[in-house]
PDB file of N, CA and C in Angstrom:
ATOM      1  N   MET A   1       1.874   5.685   4.369  1.00  0.00           N
ATOM      2  CA  MET A   1       0.826   6.349   5.118  1.00  0.00           C
ATOM      3  C   MET A   1       0.617   7.737   4.512  1.00  0.00           C
ATOM      4  N   PRO A   2      -0.509   7.973   3.877  1.00  0.00           N
ATOM      5  CA  PRO A   2      -0.717   9.233   3.158  1.00  0.00           C
ATOM      6  C   PRO A   2      -0.846  10.472   4.049  1.00  0.00           C
ATOM      7  N   ILE A   3      -1.300  10.332   5.290  1.00  0.00           N
ATOM      8  CA  ILE A   3      -1.383  11.492   6.179  1.00  0.00           C
ATOM      9  C   ILE A   3      -0.204  11.421   7.138  1.00  0.00           C
ATOM     10  N   GLN A   4       0.515  12.535   7.205  1.00  0.00           N
ATOM     11  CA  GLN A   4       1.701  12.573   8.074  1.00  0.00           C
ATOM     12  C   GLN A   4       1.829  13.939   8.729  1.00  0.00           C
ATOM     13  N   TYR A   5       2.703  14.003   9.714  1.00  0.00           N
ATOM     14  CA  TYR A   5       2.936  15.268  10.413  1.00  0.00           C
ATOM     15  C   TYR A   5       3.802  16.182   9.557  1.00  0.00           C
ATOM     16  N   LYS A   6       3.457  17.456   9.551  1.00  0.00           N
ATOM     17  CA  LYS A   6       4.232  18.455   8.812  1.00  0.00           C
ATOM     18  C   LYS A   6       5.419  18.951   9.636  1.00  0.00           C
ATOM     19  N   ILE A   7       5.278  18.871  10.959  1.00  0.00           N
ATOM     20  CA  ILE A   7       6.290  19.416  11.860  1.00  0.00           C
ATOM     21  C   ILE A   7       6.706  18.346  12.861  1.00  0.00           C
ATOM     22  N   ASP A   8       7.789  18.611  13.558  1.00  0.00           N
ATOM     23  CA  ASP A   8       8.218  17.744  14.653  1.00  0.00           C
ATOM     24  C   ASP A   8       7.412  18.157  15.883  1.00  0.00           C
ATOM     25  N   ILE A   9       6.384  17.393  16.186  1.00  0.00           N
ATOM     26  CA  ILE A   9       5.446  17.734  17.255  1.00  0.00           C
ATOM     27  C   ILE A   9       6.155  17.873  18.602  1.00  0.00           C
ATOM     28  N   LEU A  10       6.991  16.903  18.939  1.00  0.00           N
ATOM     29  CA  LEU A  10       7.653  16.937  20.246  1.00  0.00           C
ATOM     30  C   LEU A  10       8.590  18.137  20.368  1.00  0.00           C
ATOM     31  N   LYS A  11       9.269  18.481  19.294  1.00  0.00           N
ATOM     32  CA  LYS A  11      10.145  19.652  19.302  1.00  0.00           C
ATOM     33  C   LYS A  11       9.334  20.931  19.524  1.00  0.00           C
ATOM     34  N   GLU A  12       8.223  21.042  18.824  1.00  0.00           N
ATOM     35  CA  GLU A  12       7.367  22.229  18.969  1.00  0.00           C
ATOM     36  C   GLU A  12       6.803  22.325  20.389  1.00  0.00           C
ATOM     37  N   LEU A  13       6.424  21.181  20.969  1.00  0.00           N
ATOM     38  CA  LEU A  13       5.938  21.192  22.348  1.00  0.00           C
ATOM     39  C   LEU A  13       7.025  21.664  23.299  1.00  0.00           C
ATOM     40  N   ARG A  14       8.255  21.172  23.112  1.00  0.00           N
ATOM     41  CA  ARG A  14       9.381  21.601  23.966  1.00  0.00           C
ATOM     42  C   ARG A  14       9.602  23.104  23.863  1.00  0.00           C
ATOM     43  N   GLU A  15       9.515  23.632  22.643  1.00  0.00           N
ATOM     44  CA  GLU A  15       9.721  25.069  22.450  1.00  0.00           C
ATOM     45  C   GLU A  15       8.645  25.895  23.151  1.00  0.00           C
ATOM     46  N   LYS A  16       7.458  25.321  23.330  1.00  0.00           N
ATOM     47  CA  LYS A  16       6.369  26.004  24.044  1.00  0.00           C
ATOM     48  C   LYS A  16       6.437  25.750  25.554  1.00  0.00           C
ATOM     49  N   GLY A  17       7.451  25.000  25.994  1.00  0.00           N
ATOM     50  CA  GLY A  17       7.626  24.743  27.421  1.00  0.00           C
ATOM     51  C   GLY A  17       6.993  23.461  27.918  1.00  0.00           C
ATOM     52  N   TYR A  18       6.538  22.615  27.004  1.00  0.00           N
ATOM     53  CA  TYR A  18       5.910  21.358  27.387  1.00  0.00           C
ATOM     54  C   TYR A  18       6.896  20.207  27.214  1.00  0.00           C
ATOM     55  N   THR A  19       7.669  19.961  28.260  1.00  0.00           N
ATOM     56  CA  THR A  19       8.587  18.818  28.234  1.00  0.00           C
ATOM     57  C   THR A  19       7.772  17.546  28.399  1.00  0.00           C
ATOM     58  N   GLN A  20       8.372  16.413  28.072  1.00  0.00           N
ATOM     59  CA  GLN A  20       7.664  15.154  28.232  1.00  0.00           C
ATOM     60  C   GLN A  20       7.319  14.917  29.703  1.00  0.00           C
ATOM     61  N   PHE A  21       8.200  15.353  30.592  1.00  0.00           N
ATOM     62  CA  PHE A  21       7.926  15.219  32.019  1.00  0.00           C
ATOM     63  C   PHE A  21       6.679  16.032  32.386  1.00  0.00           C
ATOM     64  N   ARG A  22       6.622  17.277  31.942  1.00  0.00           N
ATOM     65  CA  ARG A  22       5.475  18.140  32.246  1.00  0.00           C
ATOM     66  C   ARG A  22       4.187  17.568  31.643  1.00  0.00           C
ATOM     67  N   ILE A  23       4.269  17.071  30.426  1.00  0.00           N
ATOM     68  CA  ILE A  23       3.097  16.492  29.765  1.00  0.00           C
ATOM     69  C   ILE A  23       2.559  15.318  30.574  1.00  0.00           C
ATOM     70  N   ARG A  24       3.459  14.452  31.045  1.00  0.00           N
ATOM     71  CA  ARG A  24       3.036  13.305  31.860  1.00  0.00           C
ATOM     72  C   ARG A  24       2.531  13.761  33.221  1.00  0.00           C
ATOM     73  N   GLN A  25       3.258  14.689  33.849  1.00  0.00           N
ATOM     74  CA  GLN A  25       2.908  15.170  35.182  1.00  0.00           C
ATOM     75  C   GLN A  25       1.521  15.812  35.199  1.00  0.00           C
ATOM     76  N   GLU A  26       1.221  16.622  34.185  1.00  0.00           N
ATOM     77  CA  GLU A  26      -0.063  17.323  34.112  1.00  0.00           C
ATOM     78  C   GLU A  26      -1.132  16.511  33.376  1.00  0.00           C
ATOM     79  N   LYS A  27      -0.745  15.300  32.943  1.00  0.00           N
ATOM     80  CA  LYS A  27      -1.646  14.378  32.246  1.00  0.00           C
ATOM     81  C   LYS A  27      -2.323  15.054  31.055  1.00  0.00           C
ATOM     82  N   LEU A  28      -1.508  15.749  30.261  1.00  0.00           N
ATOM     83  CA  LEU A  28      -2.018  16.448  29.083  1.00  0.00           C
ATOM     84  C   LEU A  28      -2.220  15.499  27.914  1.00  0.00           C
ATOM     85  N   ILE A  29      -1.255  14.598  27.724  1.00  0.00           N
ATOM     86  CA  ILE A  29      -1.291  13.614  26.639  1.00  0.00           C
ATOM     87  C   ILE A  29      -0.800  12.298  27.218  1.00  0.00           C
ATOM     88  N   GLY A  30      -1.495  11.217  26.925  1.00  0.00           N
ATOM     89  CA  GLY A  30      -1.119   9.907  27.445  1.00  0.00           C
ATOM     90  C   GLY A  30       0.200   9.403  26.857  1.00  0.00           C
ATOM     91  N   GLN A  31       0.852   8.541  27.604  1.00  0.00           N
ATOM     92  CA  GLN A  31       2.135   7.984  27.184  1.00  0.00           C
ATOM     93  C   GLN A  31       2.025   7.239  25.859  1.00  0.00           C
ATOM     94  N   SER A  32       0.918   6.526  25.654  1.00  0.00           N
ATOM     95  CA  SER A  32       0.758   5.782  24.398  1.00  0.00           C
ATOM     96  C   SER A  32       0.671   6.743  23.207  1.00  0.00           C
ATOM     97  N   TYR A  33       0.039   7.903  23.407  1.00  0.00           N
ATOM     98  CA  TYR A  33      -0.027   8.890  22.332  1.00  0.00           C
ATOM     99  C   TYR A  33       1.339   9.499  22.066  1.00  0.00           C
ATOM    100  N   LEU A  34       2.109   9.724  23.115  1.00  0.00           N
ATOM    101  CA  LEU A  34       3.471  10.237  22.912  1.00  0.00           C
ATOM    102  C   LEU A  34       4.294   9.256  22.090  1.00  0.00           C
ATOM    103  N   GLN A  35       4.125   7.967  22.359  1.00  0.00           N
ATOM    104  CA  GLN A  35       4.835   6.940  21.584  1.00  0.00           C
ATOM    105  C   GLN A  35       4.397   6.965  20.120  1.00  0.00           C
ATOM    106  N   GLN A  36       3.098   7.113  19.889  1.00  0.00           N
ATOM    107  CA  GLN A  36       2.598   7.176  18.518  1.00  0.00           C
ATOM    108  C   GLN A  36       3.189   8.379  17.792  1.00  0.00           C
ATOM    109  N   ILE A  37       3.240   9.510  18.471  1.00  0.00           N
ATOM    110  CA  ILE A  37       3.811  10.718  17.859  1.00  0.00           C
ATOM    111  C   ILE A  37       5.275  10.493  17.523  1.00  0.00           C
ATOM    112  N   ARG A  38       6.030   9.878  18.432  1.00  0.00           N
ATOM    113  CA  ARG A  38       7.450   9.582  18.181  1.00  0.00           C
ATOM    114  C   ARG A  38       7.630   8.733  16.935  1.00  0.00           C
ATOM    115  N   LYS A  39       6.718   7.789  16.724  1.00  0.00           N
ATOM    116  CA  LYS A  39       6.801   6.878  15.580  1.00  0.00           C
ATOM    117  C   LYS A  39       6.225   7.484  14.302  1.00  0.00           C
ATOM    118  N   GLY A  40       5.654   8.683  14.402  1.00  0.00           N
ATOM    119  CA  GLY A  40       5.062   9.311  13.230  1.00  0.00           C
ATOM    120  C   GLY A  40       3.667   8.833  12.923  1.00  0.00           C
ATOM    121  N   GLU A  41       3.061   8.110  13.864  1.00  0.00           N
ATOM    122  CA  GLU A  41       1.708   7.615  13.683  1.00  0.00           C
ATOM    123  C   GLU A  41       0.710   8.703  14.061  1.00  0.00           C
ATOM    124  N   ILE A  42      -0.395   8.756  13.350  1.00  0.00           N
ATOM    125  CA  ILE A  42      -1.417   9.755  13.614  1.00  0.00           C
ATOM    126  C   ILE A  42      -2.214   9.352  14.852  1.00  0.00           C
ATOM    127  N   VAL A  43      -2.437  10.316  15.740  1.00  0.00           N
ATOM    128  CA  VAL A  43      -3.144  10.062  16.999  1.00  0.00           C
ATOM    129  C   VAL A  43      -4.632  10.351  16.847  1.00  0.00           C
ATOM    130  N   SER A  44      -5.371  10.148  17.907  1.00  0.00           N
ATOM    131  CA  SER A  44      -6.821  10.329  17.889  1.00  0.00           C
ATOM    132  C   SER A  44      -7.211  11.796  17.721  1.00  0.00           C
ATOM    133  N   LYS A  45      -8.471  12.004  17.384  1.00  0.00           N
ATOM    134  CA  LYS A  45      -9.013  13.350  17.230  1.00  0.00           C
ATOM    135  C   LYS A  45      -8.878  14.129  18.537  1.00  0.00           C
ATOM    136  N   ASN A  46      -9.166  13.497  19.653  1.00  0.00           N
ATOM    137  CA  ASN A  46      -9.061  14.181  20.950  1.00  0.00           C
ATOM    138  C   ASN A  46      -7.632  14.615  21.243  1.00  0.00           C
ATOM    139  N   CYS A  47      -6.683  13.764  20.915  1.00  0.00           N
ATOM    140  CA  CYS A  47      -5.281  14.107  21.129  1.00  0.00           C
ATOM    141  C   CYS A  47      -4.866  15.242  20.191  1.00  0.00           C
ATOM    142  N   LEU A  48      -5.337  15.206  18.947  1.00  0.00           N
ATOM    143  CA  LEU A  48      -5.048  16.298  18.010  1.00  0.00           C
ATOM    144  C   LEU A  48      -5.608  17.620  18.525  1.00  0.00           C
ATOM    145  N   GLU A  49      -6.796  17.568  19.120  1.00  0.00           N
ATOM    146  CA  GLU A  49      -7.380  18.773  19.708  1.00  0.00           C
ATOM    147  C   GLU A  49      -6.490  19.315  20.819  1.00  0.00           C
ATOM    148  N   THR A  50      -5.988  18.424  21.664  1.00  0.00           N
ATOM    149  CA  THR A  50      -5.094  18.839  22.745  1.00  0.00           C
ATOM    150  C   THR A  50      -3.818  19.450  22.180  1.00  0.00           C
ATOM    151  N   LEU A  51      -3.249  18.812  21.160  1.00  0.00           N
ATOM    152  CA  LEU A  51      -2.031  19.340  20.543  1.00  0.00           C
ATOM    153  C   LEU A  51      -2.280  20.729  19.970  1.00  0.00           C
ATOM    154  N   CYS A  52      -3.407  20.904  19.307  1.00  0.00           N
ATOM    155  CA  CYS A  52      -3.733  22.214  18.731  1.00  0.00           C
ATOM    156  C   CYS A  52      -3.877  23.269  19.826  1.00  0.00           C
ATOM    157  N   GLU A  53      -4.473  22.885  20.929  1.00  0.00           N
ATOM    158  CA  GLU A  53      -4.628  23.822  22.044  1.00  0.00           C
ATOM    159  C   GLU A  53      -3.269  24.197  22.631  1.00  0.00           C
ATOM    160  N   LEU A  54      -2.425  23.196  22.869  1.00  0.00           N
ATOM    161  CA  LEU A  54      -1.115  23.456  23.472  1.00  0.00           C
ATOM    162  C   LEU A  54      -0.209  24.264  22.547  1.00  0.00           C
ATOM    163  N   LEU A  55      -0.269  23.962  21.254  1.00  0.00           N
ATOM    164  CA  LEU A  55       0.606  24.622  20.282  1.00  0.00           C
ATOM    165  C   LEU A  55      -0.026  25.871  19.667  1.00  0.00           C
ATOM    166  N   GLU A  56      -1.280  26.132  20.049  1.00  0.00           N
ATOM    167  CA  GLU A  56      -2.007  27.296  19.539  1.00  0.00           C
ATOM    168  C   GLU A  56      -1.984  27.320  18.009  1.00  0.00           C
ATOM    169  N   CYS A  57      -2.505  26.233  17.428  1.00  0.00           N
ATOM    170  CA  CYS A  57      -2.502  26.107  15.973  1.00  0.00           C
ATOM    171  C   CYS A  57      -3.751  25.383  15.495  1.00  0.00           C
ATOM    172  N   GLN A  58      -3.865  25.205  14.203  1.00  0.00           N
ATOM    173  CA  GLN A  58      -4.963  24.481  13.579  1.00  0.00           C
ATOM    174  C   GLN A  58      -4.474  23.092  13.163  1.00  0.00           C
ATOM    175  N   PRO A  59      -5.387  22.116  13.017  1.00  0.00           N
ATOM    176  CA  PRO A  59      -4.968  20.775  12.596  1.00  0.00           C
ATOM    177  C   PRO A  59      -4.171  20.781  11.294  1.00  0.00           C
ATOM    178  N   GLY A  60      -4.514  21.682  10.383  1.00  0.00           N
ATOM    179  CA  GLY A  60      -3.787  21.773   9.120  1.00  0.00           C
ATOM    180  C   GLY A  60      -2.347  22.216   9.286  1.00  0.00           C
ATOM    181  N   ASP A  61      -2.030  22.823  10.430  1.00  0.00           N
ATOM    182  CA  ASP A  61      -0.645  23.201  10.719  1.00  0.00           C
ATOM    183  C   ASP A  61       0.176  21.992  11.143  1.00  0.00           C
ATOM    184  N   LEU A  62      -0.515  20.939  11.580  1.00  0.00           N
ATOM    185  CA  LEU A  62       0.161  19.740  12.077  1.00  0.00           C
ATOM    186  C   LEU A  62       0.234  18.617  11.051  1.00  0.00           C
ATOM    187  N   LEU A  63      -0.812  18.493  10.229  1.00  0.00           N
ATOM    188  CA  LEU A  63      -0.948  17.344   9.337  1.00  0.00           C
ATOM    189  C   LEU A  63      -0.949  17.750   7.875  1.00  0.00           C
ATOM    190  N   GLU A  64      -0.502  16.830   7.036  1.00  0.00           N
ATOM    191  CA  GLU A  64      -0.581  17.023   5.591  1.00  0.00           C
ATOM    192  C   GLU A  64      -0.846  15.685   4.927  1.00  0.00           C
ATOM    193  N   TYR A  65      -1.454  15.770   3.763  1.00  0.00           N
ATOM    194  CA  TYR A  65      -1.710  14.586   2.952  1.00  0.00           C
ATOM    195  C   TYR A  65      -0.638  14.501   1.879  1.00  0.00           C
ATOM    196  N   VAL A  66       0.014  13.366   1.796  1.00  0.00           N
ATOM    197  CA  VAL A  66       1.008  13.111   0.754  1.00  0.00           C
ATOM    198  C   VAL A  66       0.582  11.818   0.067  1.00  0.00           C
ATOM    199  N   SER A  67       0.271  11.922  -1.214  1.00  0.00           N
ATOM    200  CA  SER A  67      -0.200  10.728  -1.920  1.00  0.00           C
ATOM    201  C   SER A  67       0.875   9.648  -1.923  1.00  0.00           C
ATOM    202  N   ASP A  68       0.443   8.428  -2.015  1.00  0.00           N
ATOM    203  CA  ASP A  68       1.386   7.302  -2.046  1.00  0.00           C
ATOM    204  C   ASP A  68       2.343   7.414  -3.223  1.00  0.00           C
ATOM    205  N   LYS A  69       1.878   7.986  -4.327  1.00  0.00           N
ATOM    206  CA  LYS A  69       2.736   8.137  -5.506  1.00  0.00           C
ATOM    207  C   LYS A  69       3.911   9.041  -5.209  1.00  0.00           C
ATOM    208  N   LYS A  70       3.671  10.137  -4.473  1.00  0.00           N
ATOM    209  CA  LYS A  70       4.755  11.058  -4.130  1.00  0.00           C
ATOM    210  C   LYS A  70       5.711  10.440  -3.136  1.00  0.00           C
ATOM    211  N   GLN A  71       5.191   9.637  -2.208  1.00  0.00           N
ATOM    212  CA  GLN A  71       6.040   9.001  -1.207  1.00  0.00           C
ATOM    213  C   GLN A  71       6.970   7.986  -1.829  1.00  0.00           C
ATOM    214  N   ASN A  72       6.542   7.309  -2.870  1.00  0.00           N
ATOM    215  CA  ASN A  72       7.347   6.265  -3.499  1.00  0.00           C
ATOM    216  C   ASN A  72       8.443   6.826  -4.410  1.00  0.00           C
ATOM    217  N   LYS A  73       8.368   8.107  -4.755  1.00  0.00           N
ATOM    218  CA  LYS A  73       9.371   8.702  -5.660  1.00  0.00           C
ATOM    219  C   LYS A  73      10.598   9.146  -4.916  1.00  0.00           C
TER     220      LYS A  73
END
């Protein structure tokens, strides 16, 4: 998968005070998206927008492109 997360999203959310319980309780991010993040799968544009808002960052702070050639080495 050439696009991947640069940081541990769940760890960064915890450091900002967003526990998984709080995220579910306040319905900030759906459970299916949390599962995708855990697996390293890229989530929807809307979810990325929410993550950027919560983490006070830009999408480029969360994602990076790694060519398949680099991943295979």
